[in-house]
Amino acid sequence: MKRLHPHLLVLTLMTITGAGATGHAATFGDDAAFLRPHTEVVVLKDASGQSQLIVAPAWQGRVMTSTARGAQGDSFGWINRELIASGKVEPHINVFGGEDRFWLGPEGGQFSIFFAEGAPFDLEHWFTPPSLDTEPFEVESKSDEHVTLSRRIDLVNYSGAQFNIDVKREVRLLDAGDALKELGTELPPKVDAVAFESINSIANAGQNAWKKDSGLLSIWVLGMFRASPESAVVIPYQKGSVAERGVVVNDDYFGKVPADRLVVEDDVLFFRADAQKRSKIGLTPSRARPVLGSYDSATHTLTLVQFTLPPDASDYVNSMWELQDEPFSGDAVNSYNDDGNLGSFYELESSSPALALRPGASATHRHRTIHLQGSEEALDPIAQAMLGVGLEAIRNAFAQ
């Protein structure tokens, strides 16, 4: 059975509204200068000013972009300049961009929070909740290296269940060396790096427990990164038979991904991130590992994403656009590649398990991003340690 994702309808919406996106700044400083006239920005930076990132409170505290080399360094996040500059508010979704944004799932199915009760599962009736799209988060505290934001969200799902949610989101700039040490590897000399994480917590602020028979929510973090012809996503996965762990990868979101764009090896897969074909993949919790990444050999940029993956969790919300037989058989990790119609970007995504919370209880999902730039000789040991493959294997994954 096929699952649908926001990008499928976003591309249609952009055609309908004429709100496509193309432009991209070459540097972090250019992106910062562009954003400031359009929205409040919170800039986090280390003492050297080399590691920086931009948070936009008005857009749910999303990390718009980051850099490892100061204002003149590469800007890693994809930003929808055309939509932002237009000042328009689109009715279904506003794709502002950003490399770490807070969402909630599920998108589709009988427990969807994107469709009203009884509505058909089609484009006309699909709406991103404003609290996840256009409504701001409130800044509670900030410093040079962190910002904490919050928001009360009230939602009703397709089945009529009400959710009163207190959201707390903290974005922290990390020391890249310390972050890599926590992951069991080292930051080599002459490698420039930026590391940050979002700590996303939701609490049941209502009077009723959240139960599977009326629907559960998940925390969903999505990152949009600048694509290039030389970039590829790398996802290590749990080995095992289909009977034991299920299929390795779900690759039929937009029709099966062609073999020249998805290569599945013994314990790792490679996915093109060139913004040349709309495609998406996902791994269930029985296959996922708590890390994925990408490498752009044109800019010598290695990106790592590490996230919370509880070892005993099996229920993940299903976002398929239909009444579902298995509403808790969703993915823990996803990657999406655009076709250039919406923009030159790809995504790395992670989700929390489905959250059955009693009143007053809370759950937290961490999503950490590390960008490293340097020589391939210096970056290769990190790729080996974190992704299980070297840079040469990534570069040659799609060689004819």
Protein backbone atom coordinates (compact mmCIF):
# COMPACT_ATOMS: atom_id res chain seq x y z
CA MET A 1 0.00 0.00 0.00
CA LYS A 2 1.32 3.45 -0.88
CA ARG A 3 1.84 6.22 1.63
CA LEU A 4 1.65 9.89 0.75
CA HIS A 5 3.75 12.71 2.09
CA PRO A 6 3.26 16.49 2.21
CA HIS A 7 5.63 17.08 -0.69
CA LEU A 8 3.29 15.30 -3.10
CA LEU A 9 0.58 17.84 -2.49
CA VAL A 10 2.96 20.74 -1.92
CA LEU A 11 4.22 20.41 -5.47
CA THR A 12 0.65 20.48 -6.72
CA LEU A 13 -0.13 23.45 -4.49
CA MET A 14 2.85 25.36 -5.80
CA THR A 15 1.55 24.80 -9.32
CA ILE A 16 -1.90 25.99 -8.31
CA THR A 17 -0.73 29.09 -6.42
CA GLY A 18 2.36 29.97 -8.41
CA ALA A 19 4.40 29.98 -5.20
CA GLY A 20 7.37 27.98 -6.38
CA ALA A 21 10.85 28.38 -4.89
CA THR A 22 14.22 28.50 -6.50
CA GLY A 23 16.84 30.95 -5.19
CA HIS A 24 19.56 30.05 -2.74
CA ALA A 25 22.20 32.13 -1.09
CA ALA A 26 25.75 30.89 -1.32
CA THR A 27 26.71 31.96 2.21
CA PHE A 28 25.29 31.95 5.72
CA GLY A 29 25.67 35.71 5.89
CA ASP A 30 23.58 36.17 2.78
CA ASP A 31 20.81 33.98 4.16
CA ALA A 32 20.87 35.84 7.50
CA ALA A 33 20.65 39.20 5.70
CA PHE A 34 17.72 37.93 3.62
CA LEU A 35 15.74 36.62 6.60
CA ARG A 36 16.05 39.58 8.97
CA PRO A 37 13.62 41.93 7.13
CA HIS A 38 10.99 39.18 6.94
CA THR A 39 10.98 37.60 10.40
CA GLU A 40 12.60 37.76 13.81
CA VAL A 41 15.74 35.64 13.93
CA VAL A 42 17.70 34.28 16.86
CA VAL A 43 21.33 33.65 15.93
CA LEU A 44 23.22 31.12 18.01
CA LYS A 45 27.01 31.10 17.74
CA ASP A 46 30.10 29.90 19.50
CA ALA A 47 32.86 32.14 20.83
CA SER A 48 34.80 31.96 17.57
CA GLY A 49 31.81 32.93 15.44
CA GLN A 50 32.57 30.06 13.08
CA SER A 51 29.75 27.78 14.21
CA GLN A 52 26.41 29.58 13.83
CA LEU A 53 22.76 28.83 13.23
CA ILE A 54 19.54 30.78 12.77
CA VAL A 55 16.30 30.01 14.63
CA ALA A 56 12.95 31.54 13.56
CA PRO A 57 10.48 31.73 16.50
CA ALA A 58 7.59 32.77 14.23
CA TRP A 59 7.98 29.51 12.31
CA GLN A 60 7.74 27.15 15.29
CA GLY A 61 11.34 27.75 16.34
CA ARG A 62 12.74 25.96 13.30
CA VAL A 63 16.44 26.07 12.54
CA MET A 64 16.52 27.82 9.19
CA THR A 65 20.19 27.22 8.40
CA SER A 66 23.66 26.83 9.89
CA THR A 67 27.34 27.21 8.99
CA ALA A 68 30.69 25.80 10.07
CA ARG A 69 32.75 28.68 8.66
CA GLY A 70 31.13 31.89 9.86
CA ALA A 71 29.24 34.47 7.84
CA GLN A 72 31.17 33.69 4.65
CA GLY A 73 30.77 29.94 5.05
CA ASP A 74 28.37 27.65 3.22
CA SER A 75 24.74 27.88 4.36
CA PHE A 76 23.52 24.31 4.87
CA GLY A 77 19.74 24.75 5.22
CA TRP A 78 17.39 25.16 2.26
CA ILE A 79 15.31 28.36 2.49
CA ASN A 80 12.25 29.12 0.36
CA ARG A 81 13.16 32.70 -0.51
CA GLU A 82 10.39 33.24 -3.02
CA LEU A 83 7.58 32.29 -0.64
CA ILE A 84 9.08 34.22 2.28
CA ALA A 85 9.65 37.36 0.21
CA SER A 86 6.10 37.24 -1.18
CA GLY A 87 4.56 37.66 2.27
CA LYS A 88 1.72 35.37 1.20
CA VAL A 89 0.03 32.92 3.54
CA GLU A 90 -0.97 29.80 1.64
CA PRO A 91 -4.08 27.94 2.86
CA HIS A 92 -2.75 24.37 2.89
CA ILE A 93 0.92 24.70 3.87
CA ASN A 94 3.67 27.32 3.92
CA VAL A 95 6.96 25.73 2.99
CA PHE A 96 9.40 28.17 4.54
CA GLY A 97 12.26 25.64 4.54
CA GLY A 98 14.73 25.07 7.36
CA GLU A 99 16.99 22.21 8.41
CA ASP A 100 15.20 21.28 11.66
CA ARG A 101 11.48 21.90 11.99
CA PHE A 102 8.93 20.65 14.52
CA TRP A 103 5.86 18.77 13.32
CA LEU A 104 3.45 16.21 14.70
CA GLY A 105 2.10 13.08 13.06
CA PRO A 106 0.15 11.30 11.74
CA GLU A 107 -0.57 13.07 8.50
CA GLY A 108 -3.16 10.66 7.06
CA GLY A 109 -5.51 7.91 8.15
CA GLN A 110 -8.31 7.73 10.67
CA PHE A 111 -6.13 9.40 13.31
CA SER A 112 -4.83 12.18 11.05
CA ILE A 113 -4.40 15.71 12.39
CA PHE A 114 -4.24 17.14 8.84
CA PHE A 115 -7.79 16.11 7.81
CA ALA A 116 -11.05 17.09 9.49
CA GLU A 117 -13.41 14.39 10.72
CA GLY A 118 -15.15 12.72 7.77
CA ALA A 119 -13.23 14.68 5.12
CA PRO A 120 -12.08 12.90 1.95
CA PHE A 121 -8.38 12.08 1.83
CA ASP A 122 -7.57 14.41 -1.03
CA LEU A 123 -5.63 17.58 -1.69
CA GLU A 124 -8.59 19.90 -1.36
CA HIS A 125 -9.25 18.78 2.21
CA TRP A 126 -5.64 18.54 3.44
CA PHE A 127 -4.54 21.36 5.77
CA THR A 128 -1.44 21.70 7.90
CA PRO A 129 -2.53 22.76 11.39
CA PRO A 130 -1.66 26.48 11.74
CA SER A 131 0.15 25.72 15.00
CA LEU A 132 2.63 23.65 12.95
CA ASP A 133 2.77 26.09 10.04
CA THR A 134 2.16 29.80 10.56
CA GLU A 135 1.62 30.37 14.28
CA PRO A 136 4.64 31.46 16.33
CA PHE A 137 6.28 29.81 19.29
CA GLU A 138 7.06 32.01 22.29
CA VAL A 139 10.69 32.50 23.31
CA GLU A 140 11.08 31.60 26.98
CA SER A 141 14.83 32.06 27.30
CA LYS A 142 17.90 32.43 25.15
CA SER A 143 21.64 32.83 25.27
CA ASP A 144 24.47 32.81 22.74
CA GLU A 145 24.18 29.04 22.43
CA HIS A 146 20.56 28.09 23.16
CA VAL A 147 16.97 29.18 22.78
CA THR A 148 13.95 27.65 24.50
CA LEU A 149 10.47 28.10 23.04
CA SER A 150 6.97 26.94 23.95
CA ARG A 151 3.45 26.78 22.59
CA ARG A 152 0.05 25.45 23.64
CA ILE A 153 -1.51 23.47 20.80
CA ASP A 154 -5.08 22.18 20.64
CA LEU A 155 -5.89 19.67 17.91
CA VAL A 156 -8.74 17.36 16.93
CA ASN A 157 -7.98 14.29 14.86
CA TYR A 158 -9.99 12.70 12.06
CA SER A 159 -11.75 10.41 14.54
CA GLY A 160 -12.83 13.33 16.73
CA ALA A 161 -10.34 12.81 19.55
CA GLN A 162 -9.14 16.04 21.15
CA PHE A 163 -5.51 16.69 22.04
CA ASN A 164 -4.45 19.51 24.35
CA ILE A 165 -0.69 19.72 24.06
CA ASP A 166 1.99 21.75 25.78
CA VAL A 167 5.00 21.92 23.47
CA LYS A 168 8.48 22.83 24.63
CA ARG A 169 11.32 23.05 22.15
CA GLU A 170 14.93 23.84 22.94
CA VAL A 171 17.53 24.40 20.22
CA ARG A 172 21.12 24.12 21.41
CA LEU A 173 24.38 24.84 19.65
CA LEU A 174 26.79 22.07 20.63
CA ASP A 175 30.53 21.70 20.73
CA ALA A 176 31.11 19.50 17.67
CA GLY A 177 34.09 17.75 19.23
CA ASP A 178 32.09 16.81 22.31
CA ALA A 179 29.14 15.72 20.18
CA LEU A 180 31.32 13.38 18.15
CA LYS A 181 32.97 11.99 21.29
CA GLU A 182 29.51 11.09 22.61
CA LEU A 183 29.00 9.15 19.40
CA GLY A 184 32.31 7.33 19.80
CA THR A 185 34.51 9.17 17.32
CA GLU A 186 36.80 12.21 17.16
CA LEU A 187 36.84 15.58 15.42
CA PRO A 188 40.06 15.68 13.39
CA PRO A 189 42.23 18.79 13.10
CA LYS A 190 41.53 21.02 10.09
CA VAL A 191 37.90 19.96 9.91
CA ASP A 192 35.35 22.75 10.34
CA ALA A 193 32.13 21.73 12.06
CA VAL A 194 28.82 22.91 13.41
CA ALA A 195 26.63 20.76 15.65
CA PHE A 196 23.22 21.47 17.11
CA GLU A 197 20.22 19.63 18.46
CA SER A 198 16.54 20.22 19.02
CA ILE A 199 15.00 18.80 22.17
CA ASN A 200 11.30 18.48 21.44
CA SER A 201 8.87 17.70 24.25
CA ILE A 202 5.11 17.39 24.25
CA ALA A 203 2.88 16.95 27.31
CA ASN A 204 -0.72 15.83 27.57
CA ALA A 205 -2.36 18.99 28.94
CA GLY A 206 -5.86 17.55 28.74
CA GLN A 207 -7.96 15.50 31.14
CA ASN A 208 -8.08 12.26 29.15
CA ALA A 209 -5.36 9.75 28.42
CA TRP A 210 -4.21 9.36 24.82
CA LYS A 211 -5.10 5.83 23.72
CA LYS A 212 -4.49 3.76 20.61
CA ASP A 213 -8.16 3.19 19.90
CA SER A 214 -8.78 6.94 19.49
CA GLY A 215 -5.40 7.82 18.03
CA LEU A 216 -1.93 8.79 19.17
CA LEU A 217 0.52 11.50 18.15
CA SER A 218 4.20 11.39 17.31
CA ILE A 219 6.91 14.06 17.33
CA TRP A 220 8.22 14.50 13.79
CA VAL A 221 11.37 16.47 12.97
CA LEU A 222 12.22 17.26 9.34
CA GLY A 223 15.37 18.86 7.96
CA MET A 224 15.63 20.40 4.49
CA PHE A 225 19.18 20.64 3.09
CA ARG A 226 20.65 22.13 -0.06
CA ALA A 227 21.02 19.48 -2.73
CA SER A 228 23.76 19.16 -5.33
CA PRO A 229 24.48 16.73 -8.18
CA GLU A 230 27.17 15.20 -5.97
CA SER A 231 25.16 14.64 -2.78
CA ALA A 232 23.89 11.29 -1.52
CA VAL A 233 22.01 10.14 1.58
CA VAL A 234 23.47 7.22 3.53
CA ILE A 235 21.32 5.18 5.93
CA PRO A 236 22.75 2.23 7.87
CA TYR A 237 20.13 -0.32 8.84
CA GLN A 238 19.55 -3.41 10.98
CA LYS A 239 20.30 -6.66 9.19
CA GLY A 240 17.90 -9.57 9.30
CA SER A 241 15.46 -11.51 7.18
CA VAL A 242 12.20 -10.07 5.88
CA ALA A 243 10.36 -12.61 8.05
CA GLU A 244 12.23 -11.33 11.11
CA ARG A 245 12.33 -7.56 10.52
CA GLY A 246 10.13 -6.81 7.51
CA VAL A 247 11.21 -5.15 4.29
CA VAL A 248 14.46 -3.18 4.42
CA VAL A 249 13.07 0.05 2.98
CA ASN A 250 9.71 1.48 1.96
CA ASP A 251 10.35 3.07 -1.44
CA ASP A 252 6.91 3.33 -3.02
CA TYR A 253 5.73 6.72 -1.77
CA PHE A 254 5.78 8.19 -5.28
CA GLY A 255 6.18 4.97 -7.21
CA LYS A 256 9.11 2.65 -6.77
CA VAL A 257 12.48 4.43 -6.64
CA PRO A 258 14.59 3.44 -9.70
CA ALA A 259 17.67 1.30 -9.15
CA ASP A 260 19.97 4.12 -10.25
CA ARG A 261 18.67 6.26 -7.37
CA LEU A 262 18.48 3.75 -4.50
CA VAL A 263 21.16 1.17 -3.81
CA VAL A 264 20.58 -1.31 -0.98
CA GLU A 265 23.64 -3.17 0.27
CA ASP A 266 24.10 -5.65 3.08
CA ASP A 267 23.63 -3.22 6.01
CA VAL A 268 23.54 0.24 4.43
CA LEU A 269 21.60 1.97 1.69
CA PHE A 270 22.38 4.93 -0.56
CA PHE A 271 19.77 7.38 -1.86
CA ARG A 272 20.37 10.16 -4.39
CA ALA A 273 19.99 13.67 -2.95
CA ASP A 274 20.32 15.72 -6.13
CA ALA A 275 16.85 17.33 -6.38
CA GLN A 276 16.37 15.74 -9.81
CA LYS A 277 13.53 13.30 -9.07
CA ARG A 278 10.75 13.40 -6.50
CA SER A 279 11.19 10.30 -4.36
CA LYS A 280 11.04 9.22 -0.75
CA ILE A 281 12.13 6.30 1.37
CA GLY A 282 11.41 5.19 4.93
CA LEU A 283 12.63 2.60 7.43
CA THR A 284 10.54 1.06 10.18
CA PRO A 285 11.85 0.93 13.76
CA SER A 286 12.81 -2.72 13.27
CA ARG A 287 15.22 -1.68 10.50
CA ALA A 288 16.30 1.83 11.53
CA ARG A 289 19.44 2.75 13.42
CA PRO A 290 19.61 6.02 15.40
CA VAL A 291 21.80 7.71 12.78
CA LEU A 292 21.69 8.64 9.12
CA GLY A 293 23.62 11.11 7.03
CA SER A 294 24.66 12.49 3.68
CA TYR A 295 27.80 13.48 1.84
CA ASP A 296 28.30 16.17 -0.79
CA SER A 297 31.59 15.51 -2.56
CA ALA A 298 31.37 18.88 -4.36
CA THR A 299 31.71 20.84 -1.10
CA HIS A 300 33.33 18.06 0.97
CA THR A 301 30.47 18.27 3.46
CA LEU A 302 29.58 15.28 5.64
CA THR A 303 26.24 15.63 7.44
CA LEU A 304 25.20 13.37 10.30
CA VAL A 305 21.76 13.19 11.92
CA GLN A 306 21.40 11.32 15.19
CA PHE A 307 18.04 10.92 16.93
CA THR A 308 16.15 9.23 19.73
CA LEU A 309 15.29 5.63 18.81
CA PRO A 310 14.00 3.70 21.84
CA PRO A 311 15.10 0.06 21.51
CA ASP A 312 11.78 -1.37 22.68
CA ALA A 313 9.40 0.86 20.70
CA SER A 314 7.48 -0.72 17.83
CA ASP A 315 4.41 1.50 17.36
CA TYR A 316 4.98 4.42 14.96
CA VAL A 317 2.16 6.40 13.42
CA ASN A 318 1.18 5.68 9.83
CA SER A 319 0.62 8.70 7.53
CA MET A 320 -0.99 6.89 4.59
CA TRP A 321 -3.90 8.83 3.05
CA GLU A 322 -6.65 6.29 3.64
CA LEU A 323 -8.48 4.49 6.40
CA GLN A 324 -5.75 2.16 7.59
CA ASP A 325 -5.64 -1.46 8.64
CA GLU A 326 -2.37 -0.83 10.49
CA PRO A 327 -2.34 2.72 11.86
CA PHE A 328 0.79 2.11 13.95
CA SER A 329 3.04 0.53 11.32
CA GLY A 330 4.81 3.73 10.26
CA ASP A 331 8.45 4.67 9.77
CA ALA A 332 11.01 5.90 12.30
CA VAL A 333 13.30 7.51 9.74
CA ASN A 334 12.72 8.99 6.28
CA SER A 335 14.53 10.76 3.49
CA TYR A 336 12.96 12.77 0.69
CA ASN A 337 14.48 14.09 -2.55
CA ASP A 338 12.73 16.85 -4.48
CA ASP A 339 12.71 17.15 -8.26
CA GLY A 340 13.56 20.86 -8.38
CA ASN A 341 9.93 21.88 -8.83
CA LEU A 342 9.60 23.01 -5.23
CA GLY A 343 13.31 23.65 -4.68
CA SER A 344 16.81 22.26 -4.77
CA PHE A 345 16.68 20.33 -1.51
CA TYR A 346 16.52 16.93 0.11
CA GLU A 347 15.30 15.94 3.57
CA LEU A 348 16.50 13.88 6.51
CA GLU A 349 13.65 13.11 8.93
CA SER A 350 13.11 11.31 12.21
CA SER A 351 10.03 10.50 14.29
CA SER A 352 9.27 9.50 17.85
CA PRO A 353 7.18 6.43 18.62
CA ALA A 354 3.41 6.83 18.88
CA LEU A 355 2.87 8.48 22.27
CA ALA A 356 0.26 7.08 24.66
CA LEU A 357 0.41 9.76 27.36
CA ARG A 358 -1.74 10.02 30.46
CA PRO A 359 -2.78 13.51 31.64
CA GLY A 360 0.27 15.46 32.76
CA ALA A 361 2.73 13.00 31.23
CA SER A 362 5.27 14.07 28.61
CA ALA A 363 7.67 12.62 26.07
CA THR A 364 10.81 13.98 24.42
CA HIS A 365 12.42 13.41 21.03
CA ARG A 366 15.96 14.64 20.31
CA HIS A 367 17.19 15.30 16.80
CA ARG A 368 20.88 16.22 16.41
CA THR A 369 22.57 17.56 13.27
CA ILE A 370 26.32 17.75 12.66
CA HIS A 371 27.91 19.24 9.53
CA LEU A 372 31.61 18.67 8.89
CA GLN A 373 33.75 20.19 6.14
CA GLY A 374 37.32 19.20 5.36
CA SER A 375 39.46 16.92 3.27
CA GLU A 376 38.17 13.47 2.41
CA GLU A 377 41.17 12.00 4.21
CA ALA A 378 40.05 13.71 7.41
CA LEU A 379 36.32 13.02 7.01
CA ASP A 380 36.58 9.39 5.95
CA PRO A 381 37.18 7.90 9.45
CA ILE A 382 34.08 9.72 10.74
CA ALA A 383 31.94 8.36 7.92
CA GLN A 384 33.31 4.87 8.59
CA ALA A 385 32.59 5.12 12.31
CA MET A 386 29.12 6.66 12.09
CA LEU A 387 27.67 5.34 8.83
CA GLY A 388 29.63 2.13 8.35
CA VAL A 389 31.02 3.11 4.94
CA GLY A 390 33.79 5.35 3.66
CA LEU A 391 33.50 8.36 1.40
CA GLU A 392 34.76 6.49 -1.65
CA ALA A 393 31.88 4.03 -1.32
CA ILE A 394 29.42 6.91 -1.04
CA ARG A 395 30.89 8.71 -4.08
CA ASN A 396 30.79 5.53 -6.15
CA ALA A 397 27.41 4.24 -4.97
CA PHE A 398 25.68 5.30 -8.18
CA ALA A 399 28.57 4.79 -10.59
CA GLN A 400 27.43 3.18 -13.83
